[in-house]
N, C-alpha and C. Protein backbone atom coordinates (compact mmCIF):
# COMPACT_ATOMS: atom_id res chain seq x y z
N MET A 1 -40.34 62.12 -135.60
CA MET A 1 -39.76 61.37 -135.00
C MET A 1 -39.29 62.25 -133.48
N LYS A 2 -40.22 61.76 -132.67
CA LYS A 2 -39.93 63.02 -131.31
C LYS A 2 -39.39 62.28 -130.62
N PHE A 3 -38.54 62.86 -130.54
CA PHE A 3 -36.77 62.05 -128.89
C PHE A 3 -37.55 62.78 -127.80
N GLU A 4 -37.66 61.99 -126.37
CA GLU A 4 -37.55 62.26 -125.28
C GLU A 4 -36.91 61.95 -124.58
N LYS A 5 -35.97 62.47 -123.38
CA LYS A 5 -35.07 61.74 -122.58
C LYS A 5 -34.93 62.35 -120.97
N SER A 6 -35.76 61.33 -120.49
CA SER A 6 -35.62 61.30 -118.81
C SER A 6 -34.62 60.36 -118.41
N CYS A 7 -34.57 60.94 -116.59
CA CYS A 7 -33.57 60.37 -115.94
C CYS A 7 -33.87 60.17 -114.37
N GLY A 8 -33.35 59.02 -113.76
CA GLY A 8 -33.90 58.43 -111.87
C GLY A 8 -33.13 57.91 -112.22
N ALA A 9 -32.98 57.00 -110.77
CA ALA A 9 -32.86 56.28 -109.90
C ALA A 9 -32.98 55.53 -109.01
N LEU A 10 -32.34 53.99 -108.85
CA LEU A 10 -32.60 52.60 -107.91
C LEU A 10 -31.75 53.28 -107.12
N ILE A 11 -33.34 53.32 -105.64
CA ILE A 11 -32.62 54.31 -104.34
C ILE A 11 -32.85 52.86 -103.16
N PHE A 12 -31.75 52.41 -103.53
CA PHE A 12 -31.59 51.06 -102.43
C PHE A 12 -30.92 51.66 -100.79
N ARG A 13 -31.44 51.23 -99.64
CA ARG A 13 -30.96 51.52 -98.31
C ARG A 13 -30.81 49.57 -97.68
N LYS A 14 -30.08 49.59 -96.19
CA LYS A 14 -30.35 48.85 -95.88
C LYS A 14 -31.11 48.96 -94.86
N ASN A 15 -31.38 47.55 -94.57
CA ASN A 15 -32.59 48.23 -93.31
C ASN A 15 -32.22 46.59 -92.24
N GLY A 16 -31.45 46.88 -91.42
CA GLY A 16 -30.59 45.67 -90.95
C GLY A 16 -30.01 44.52 -92.09
N ASP A 17 -29.73 43.43 -91.93
CA ASP A 17 -28.96 42.77 -92.79
C ASP A 17 -30.27 43.12 -94.95
N VAL A 18 -31.27 42.97 -94.51
CA VAL A 18 -32.22 43.71 -95.41
C VAL A 18 -31.93 44.59 -96.31
N THR A 19 -31.87 43.72 -98.23
CA THR A 19 -31.57 45.15 -98.85
C THR A 19 -32.86 45.50 -99.65
N GLU A 20 -33.15 46.78 -99.42
CA GLU A 20 -34.67 47.45 -99.91
C GLU A 20 -34.56 48.33 -100.58
N VAL A 21 -35.07 48.11 -101.68
CA VAL A 21 -35.28 49.21 -102.91
C VAL A 21 -36.77 50.26 -102.75
N LEU A 22 -36.50 51.38 -103.28
CA LEU A 22 -37.87 52.22 -102.85
C LEU A 22 -38.29 51.82 -104.43
N LEU A 23 -40.19 51.88 -104.59
CA LEU A 23 -40.56 51.62 -105.51
C LEU A 23 -41.94 53.00 -105.45
N VAL A 24 -42.15 52.95 -106.65
CA VAL A 24 -43.26 54.31 -106.45
C VAL A 24 -44.59 53.62 -107.35
N HIS A 25 -45.27 53.63 -107.07
CA HIS A 25 -46.73 53.78 -107.83
C HIS A 25 -47.65 54.98 -108.46
N GLN A 26 -47.10 55.29 -109.46
CA GLN A 26 -47.43 56.00 -110.63
C GLN A 26 -49.15 56.20 -110.46
N THR A 27 -49.53 57.21 -110.64
CA THR A 27 -51.15 57.57 -110.06
C THR A 27 -51.45 57.02 -111.75
N ALA A 28 -50.87 56.70 -112.87
CA ALA A 28 -50.64 55.90 -114.08
C ALA A 28 -51.26 54.63 -113.87
N GLY A 29 -51.26 54.19 -112.83
CA GLY A 29 -51.09 52.61 -112.54
C GLY A 29 -50.13 51.71 -111.72
N HIS A 30 -49.20 52.00 -112.19
CA HIS A 30 -48.07 51.47 -112.99
C HIS A 30 -46.98 51.71 -111.16
N TRP A 31 -46.55 50.70 -111.19
CA TRP A 31 -44.94 50.37 -110.43
C TRP A 31 -44.38 50.47 -111.04
N SER A 32 -42.77 51.26 -110.30
CA SER A 32 -41.74 52.09 -110.45
C SER A 32 -40.33 52.25 -110.00
N PHE A 33 -39.92 53.34 -110.68
CA PHE A 33 -38.62 53.39 -109.84
C PHE A 33 -38.75 55.41 -109.89
N PRO A 34 -38.22 56.10 -109.48
CA PRO A 34 -38.72 57.83 -109.52
C PRO A 34 -37.64 58.07 -110.70
N LYS A 35 -38.31 58.77 -111.93
CA LYS A 35 -37.99 59.62 -112.24
C LYS A 35 -38.77 60.26 -113.69
N GLY A 36 -38.06 61.39 -114.15
CA GLY A 36 -38.85 62.48 -114.94
C GLY A 36 -37.26 63.03 -116.11
N HIS A 37 -38.67 64.31 -116.49
CA HIS A 37 -37.98 64.51 -117.64
C HIS A 37 -36.67 65.75 -117.73
N VAL A 38 -35.81 65.65 -118.21
CA VAL A 38 -34.44 66.28 -118.44
C VAL A 38 -34.86 67.84 -118.79
N GLU A 39 -34.70 68.71 -117.64
CA GLU A 39 -34.85 70.48 -118.35
C GLU A 39 -33.57 70.53 -118.79
N GLN A 40 -34.11 71.84 -119.91
CA GLN A 40 -32.71 72.00 -120.47
C GLN A 40 -31.56 72.69 -119.71
N GLY A 41 -30.65 72.45 -120.10
CA GLY A 41 -29.27 72.89 -118.90
C GLY A 41 -28.83 71.36 -117.59
N GLU A 42 -29.58 70.83 -117.76
CA GLU A 42 -29.47 69.96 -116.77
C GLU A 42 -28.88 68.71 -117.00
N SER A 43 -27.93 68.20 -116.13
CA SER A 43 -27.03 66.78 -116.53
C SER A 43 -28.03 65.85 -115.68
N GLU A 44 -27.45 64.61 -116.85
CA GLU A 44 -28.62 63.82 -116.09
C GLU A 44 -28.76 63.20 -114.61
N TYR A 45 -27.55 63.32 -114.11
CA TYR A 45 -27.44 63.27 -112.72
C TYR A 45 -28.21 64.48 -111.99
N ASP A 46 -28.32 65.93 -112.20
CA ASP A 46 -29.19 67.18 -111.44
C ASP A 46 -29.84 66.44 -111.76
N THR A 47 -31.13 65.75 -113.38
CA THR A 47 -32.26 65.53 -113.35
C THR A 47 -32.64 64.67 -112.79
N ALA A 48 -32.12 63.56 -112.43
CA ALA A 48 -32.30 62.22 -111.40
C ALA A 48 -32.54 62.53 -110.00
N LYS A 49 -31.90 63.94 -109.95
CA LYS A 49 -31.67 63.83 -108.04
C LYS A 49 -32.85 65.44 -107.43
N ARG A 50 -32.79 66.32 -109.15
CA ARG A 50 -34.31 66.85 -108.56
C ARG A 50 -35.79 66.54 -108.81
N GLU A 51 -35.39 64.87 -109.54
CA GLU A 51 -37.28 64.36 -110.42
C GLU A 51 -37.37 63.41 -108.83
N ILE A 52 -36.15 62.73 -108.43
CA ILE A 52 -36.21 61.90 -107.06
C ILE A 52 -36.69 63.22 -105.82
N SER A 53 -36.19 64.09 -105.77
CA SER A 53 -36.91 64.74 -104.52
C SER A 53 -37.84 65.04 -104.55
N GLU A 54 -38.31 65.94 -106.21
CA GLU A 54 -40.10 66.38 -106.31
C GLU A 54 -40.47 65.27 -106.04
N GLU A 55 -40.74 63.46 -106.90
CA GLU A 55 -41.35 62.62 -106.84
C GLU A 55 -41.13 61.78 -105.21
N THR A 56 -40.81 61.97 -104.67
CA THR A 56 -40.46 61.39 -102.83
C THR A 56 -40.08 61.81 -102.19
N GLY A 57 -39.72 63.03 -102.43
CA GLY A 57 -39.43 63.97 -101.00
C GLY A 57 -37.50 63.86 -100.14
N LEU A 58 -37.05 62.77 -100.53
CA LEU A 58 -36.27 61.93 -100.60
C LEU A 58 -34.70 63.15 -101.38
N GLU A 59 -33.80 62.92 -100.54
CA GLU A 59 -32.45 63.52 -100.89
C GLU A 59 -31.35 62.11 -100.82
N VAL A 60 -30.87 62.25 -101.78
CA VAL A 60 -29.33 61.00 -102.82
C VAL A 60 -28.20 61.37 -102.84
N GLU A 61 -27.23 60.33 -102.76
CA GLU A 61 -26.04 60.40 -102.76
C GLU A 61 -25.79 59.28 -103.92
N PHE A 62 -25.85 59.90 -105.02
CA PHE A 62 -25.65 58.65 -106.65
C PHE A 62 -24.41 57.19 -105.96
N ILE A 63 -24.61 56.06 -106.30
CA ILE A 63 -23.35 55.34 -106.28
C ILE A 63 -22.67 55.01 -107.88
N ASP A 64 -21.39 55.40 -107.49
CA ASP A 64 -20.91 55.21 -108.94
C ASP A 64 -20.50 53.94 -109.55
N GLY A 65 -20.60 54.27 -110.71
CA GLY A 65 -20.67 52.58 -111.43
C GLY A 65 -21.91 51.97 -111.99
N PHE A 66 -23.06 52.75 -112.54
CA PHE A 66 -24.01 52.17 -112.40
C PHE A 66 -24.97 53.10 -113.65
N ARG A 67 -24.77 52.97 -114.38
CA ARG A 67 -25.79 53.78 -115.61
C ARG A 67 -26.44 52.92 -116.77
N GLU A 68 -27.25 52.71 -116.34
CA GLU A 68 -28.17 52.18 -117.85
C GLU A 68 -29.32 52.89 -118.31
N VAL A 69 -29.55 52.77 -119.84
CA VAL A 69 -30.29 53.23 -120.45
C VAL A 69 -31.51 52.59 -121.28
N GLU A 70 -32.56 52.95 -121.06
CA GLU A 70 -34.64 52.25 -121.10
C GLU A 70 -34.33 52.79 -122.63
N THR A 71 -34.78 52.22 -123.56
CA THR A 71 -35.23 52.70 -124.29
C THR A 71 -36.38 52.26 -125.12
N TYR A 72 -37.31 52.87 -125.35
CA TYR A 72 -38.61 52.61 -125.78
C TYR A 72 -39.50 53.88 -126.22
N SER A 73 -41.13 52.91 -126.76
CA SER A 73 -42.13 53.97 -127.99
C SER A 73 -42.62 54.31 -126.80
N PRO A 74 -43.10 55.26 -126.28
CA PRO A 74 -44.53 55.73 -124.91
C PRO A 74 -45.58 56.21 -125.88
N ALA A 75 -45.56 56.12 -127.22
CA ALA A 75 -46.23 56.84 -127.67
C ALA A 75 -46.25 56.70 -129.15
N LYS A 76 -46.90 57.29 -130.75
CA LYS A 76 -47.02 57.00 -131.95
C LYS A 76 -45.08 57.75 -132.34
N ASN A 77 -44.74 58.03 -132.84
CA ASN A 77 -44.03 58.23 -133.41
C ASN A 77 -42.67 59.36 -132.41
N VAL A 78 -42.56 58.79 -130.64
CA VAL A 78 -41.84 58.85 -130.01
C VAL A 78 -41.10 57.82 -129.48
N MET A 79 -40.15 58.15 -129.26
CA MET A 79 -38.41 57.68 -128.87
C MET A 79 -37.83 57.66 -127.27
N LYS A 80 -38.15 57.31 -127.07
CA LYS A 80 -37.77 57.85 -125.27
C LYS A 80 -36.38 57.38 -124.69
N ASP A 81 -35.50 57.59 -124.32
CA ASP A 81 -34.27 57.00 -123.59
C ASP A 81 -34.84 57.75 -121.78
N VAL A 82 -34.68 56.55 -120.47
CA VAL A 82 -34.50 56.96 -119.69
C VAL A 82 -32.97 56.23 -119.29
N VAL A 83 -32.29 56.80 -118.36
CA VAL A 83 -30.93 56.77 -117.74
C VAL A 83 -31.61 56.64 -116.26
N TYR A 84 -30.89 55.62 -116.35
CA TYR A 84 -31.36 55.12 -113.94
C TYR A 84 -29.53 55.16 -114.02
N PHE A 85 -29.66 55.24 -112.76
CA PHE A 85 -28.69 55.48 -112.00
C PHE A 85 -28.68 54.53 -110.11
N THR A 86 -27.73 54.49 -109.59
CA THR A 86 -28.03 53.57 -108.26
C THR A 86 -28.20 54.85 -107.15
N ALA A 87 -29.00 54.84 -106.54
CA ALA A 87 -28.62 55.88 -105.52
C ALA A 87 -28.54 55.48 -104.23
N ARG A 88 -28.56 56.17 -102.66
CA ARG A 88 -28.88 55.70 -101.31
C ARG A 88 -29.24 56.84 -101.11
N PRO A 89 -30.31 56.83 -99.95
CA PRO A 89 -30.94 57.73 -99.32
C PRO A 89 -30.02 59.26 -98.54
N THR A 90 -30.29 59.98 -98.12
CA THR A 90 -29.17 59.91 -97.80
C THR A 90 -30.08 61.33 -96.49
N GLY A 91 -31.39 61.46 -97.04
CA GLY A 91 -31.97 63.18 -96.21
C GLY A 91 -33.51 63.05 -96.87
N GLY A 92 -34.57 63.67 -96.33
CA GLY A 92 -35.44 64.27 -96.87
C GLY A 92 -36.19 63.56 -95.78
N ARG A 93 -37.54 63.75 -96.49
CA ARG A 93 -38.67 63.22 -95.49
C ARG A 93 -39.43 62.42 -96.57
N GLU A 94 -39.62 61.18 -96.17
CA GLU A 94 -40.32 60.60 -97.79
C GLU A 94 -41.98 60.93 -98.20
N LYS A 95 -42.43 61.97 -99.25
CA LYS A 95 -43.76 62.55 -99.49
C LYS A 95 -43.85 62.43 -101.20
N PRO A 96 -44.43 61.36 -101.26
CA PRO A 96 -45.26 61.31 -102.31
C PRO A 96 -45.65 62.51 -103.05
N GLN A 97 -44.82 62.79 -104.26
CA GLN A 97 -45.55 63.54 -105.36
C GLN A 97 -46.62 63.82 -105.64
N GLU A 98 -47.57 63.82 -105.42
CA GLU A 98 -49.65 63.86 -105.34
C GLU A 98 -49.57 63.78 -106.64
N SER A 99 -49.36 65.11 -107.78
CA SER A 99 -49.55 64.31 -108.87
C SER A 99 -49.24 63.97 -109.81
N GLU A 100 -48.11 62.63 -109.15
CA GLU A 100 -47.91 61.77 -110.37
C GLU A 100 -47.87 60.21 -109.29
N ILE A 101 -47.46 60.57 -107.92
CA ILE A 101 -46.93 59.77 -107.68
C ILE A 101 -48.42 59.33 -106.24
N SER A 102 -48.50 58.18 -106.00
CA SER A 102 -49.80 57.66 -105.21
C SER A 102 -49.63 57.26 -104.10
N GLU A 103 -48.10 56.69 -104.15
CA GLU A 103 -47.80 55.70 -103.05
C GLU A 103 -46.12 55.31 -103.08
N LEU A 104 -45.33 55.27 -102.27
CA LEU A 104 -43.71 54.81 -102.17
C LEU A 104 -44.07 53.64 -101.10
N CYS A 105 -43.05 53.04 -101.46
CA CYS A 105 -43.05 51.80 -100.71
C CYS A 105 -41.37 51.69 -100.70
N TRP A 106 -40.87 51.26 -99.63
CA TRP A 106 -39.66 50.43 -99.55
C TRP A 106 -39.83 48.98 -99.71
N VAL A 107 -39.24 48.13 -100.22
CA VAL A 107 -39.61 46.70 -100.90
C VAL A 107 -38.27 45.99 -100.82
N LYS A 108 -38.63 44.93 -99.93
CA LYS A 108 -37.08 43.98 -99.72
C LYS A 108 -36.63 43.45 -101.29
N ALA A 109 -35.56 43.45 -101.26
CA ALA A 109 -34.66 43.15 -102.98
C ALA A 109 -35.64 42.11 -103.24
N ASP A 110 -35.67 40.82 -102.56
CA ASP A 110 -35.98 39.96 -102.41
C ASP A 110 -37.25 39.59 -103.48
N ASP A 111 -38.38 40.62 -103.41
CA ASP A 111 -39.81 40.90 -103.64
C ASP A 111 -39.99 41.52 -104.72
N ALA A 112 -38.92 42.53 -104.64
CA ALA A 112 -39.39 43.59 -105.89
C ALA A 112 -39.70 43.28 -107.14
N ALA A 113 -39.28 42.09 -107.90
CA ALA A 113 -39.25 41.77 -109.54
C ALA A 113 -41.02 41.19 -109.49
N GLU A 114 -41.49 41.18 -108.30
CA GLU A 114 -43.12 41.06 -108.79
C GLU A 114 -44.06 41.41 -108.24
N VAL A 115 -43.37 42.93 -108.10
CA VAL A 115 -44.58 43.98 -107.29
C VAL A 115 -43.95 45.20 -108.67
N LEU A 116 -43.01 44.89 -109.86
CA LEU A 116 -42.72 46.21 -110.90
C LEU A 116 -43.59 45.25 -111.68
N THR A 117 -43.90 46.60 -112.47
CA THR A 117 -44.89 46.17 -113.11
C THR A 117 -44.45 45.30 -114.52
N PHE A 118 -43.60 46.29 -115.10
CA PHE A 118 -42.99 45.60 -116.34
C PHE A 118 -41.59 45.42 -116.31
N GLU A 119 -41.83 43.92 -117.18
CA GLU A 119 -40.90 43.48 -117.27
C GLU A 119 -39.15 43.62 -117.40
N SER A 120 -39.17 44.97 -118.57
CA SER A 120 -38.03 45.58 -118.81
C SER A 120 -37.24 46.60 -117.46
N ASP A 121 -38.23 47.29 -116.43
CA ASP A 121 -38.33 47.30 -115.10
C ASP A 121 -37.48 46.23 -113.93
N ALA A 122 -38.00 45.24 -114.38
CA ALA A 122 -37.36 43.55 -113.62
C ALA A 122 -36.02 43.42 -114.08
N GLU A 123 -35.65 43.65 -115.34
CA GLU A 123 -34.51 43.42 -115.67
C GLU A 123 -33.63 44.42 -115.31
N LEU A 124 -34.12 45.67 -115.30
CA LEU A 124 -33.08 46.90 -114.86
C LEU A 124 -32.86 46.39 -113.51
N PHE A 125 -33.67 46.52 -112.75
CA PHE A 125 -33.63 45.80 -110.90
C PHE A 125 -32.33 44.27 -110.85
N ASP A 126 -32.67 43.85 -111.59
CA ASP A 126 -31.97 42.64 -111.35
C ASP A 126 -30.56 42.90 -111.39
N LYS A 127 -29.87 44.25 -112.94
CA LYS A 127 -29.01 44.52 -112.86
C LYS A 127 -28.17 45.45 -111.52
N ALA A 128 -28.87 45.99 -111.37
CA ALA A 128 -28.29 46.68 -110.61
C ALA A 128 -28.28 46.52 -109.14
N LEU A 129 -29.28 45.38 -108.64
CA LEU A 129 -28.77 44.74 -107.55
C LEU A 129 -27.79 44.17 -107.54
N CYS A 130 -27.43 42.83 -108.66
CA CYS A 130 -26.20 42.75 -109.06
C CYS A 130 -24.42 43.36 -108.40
N PHE A 131 -25.32 44.54 -109.10
CA PHE A 131 -24.40 46.15 -109.06
C PHE A 131 -23.58 46.53 -107.27
N ILE A 132 -25.10 45.61 -106.75
CA ILE A 132 -25.18 46.46 -105.21
C ILE A 132 -24.52 45.14 -104.53
N ASN A 133 -24.51 44.30 -104.74
CA ASN A 133 -24.30 43.24 -104.20
C ASN A 133 -22.59 42.94 -104.11
N ASN A 134 -22.46 43.29 -105.36
CA ASN A 134 -21.02 43.19 -105.82
C ASN A 134 -20.18 44.14 -105.18
N LEU A 135 -21.07 45.55 -105.08
CA LEU A 135 -20.07 46.48 -104.21
C LEU A 135 -20.01 45.77 -102.77
N GLN A 136 -21.09 45.32 -102.12
CA GLN A 136 -21.07 44.96 -101.30
C GLN A 136 -19.92 43.27 -100.34
N GLU A 137 -20.50 43.51 -101.47
CA GLU A 137 -18.86 42.33 -101.34
C GLU A 137 -17.66 42.81 -101.34
N LYS A 138 -17.06 43.36 -102.04
CA LYS A 138 -16.18 43.90 -101.88
C LYS A 138 -15.47 44.74 -100.97
N LYS A 139 -16.31 45.45 -100.44
CA LYS A 139 -15.88 45.82 -98.34
C LYS A 139 -15.46 45.05 -98.05
N PRO A 140 -14.58 45.96 -97.50
CA PRO A 140 -13.22 45.09 -96.11
C PRO A 140 -14.36 44.58 -95.10
N SER A 141 -14.34 43.79 -94.45
CA SER A 141 -14.59 43.86 -93.19
C SER A 141 -14.52 44.71 -91.90
């Protein structure tokens, strides 16, 4: 059995009063979140930050307290863990990595689950949105 590991993030931003999340349309045809394979010597955060920059052109800062792992088998005799964090954009310019990403799209949080291709990503998104909403409720006015 071969084991693979990737890391990425759900990137949230506020657009006025509306919370949005960045979705990527993979050239393979599905809508998901930016992520990619861990390279030797990288931490999970380093991988996620590098992959987000490569795939989207954005720089991000991570929002402490959220780490979820999705485990699945992408091929026969292969098990894969994908570690996800939450993040917010801090700079860069949106530009899809043409070899892997055909489109980037900021989607209203209320609509994201309908756009995501896989149910597991929709479930992950619900957990991340709950986390983000709880953080916002705790902020002093």
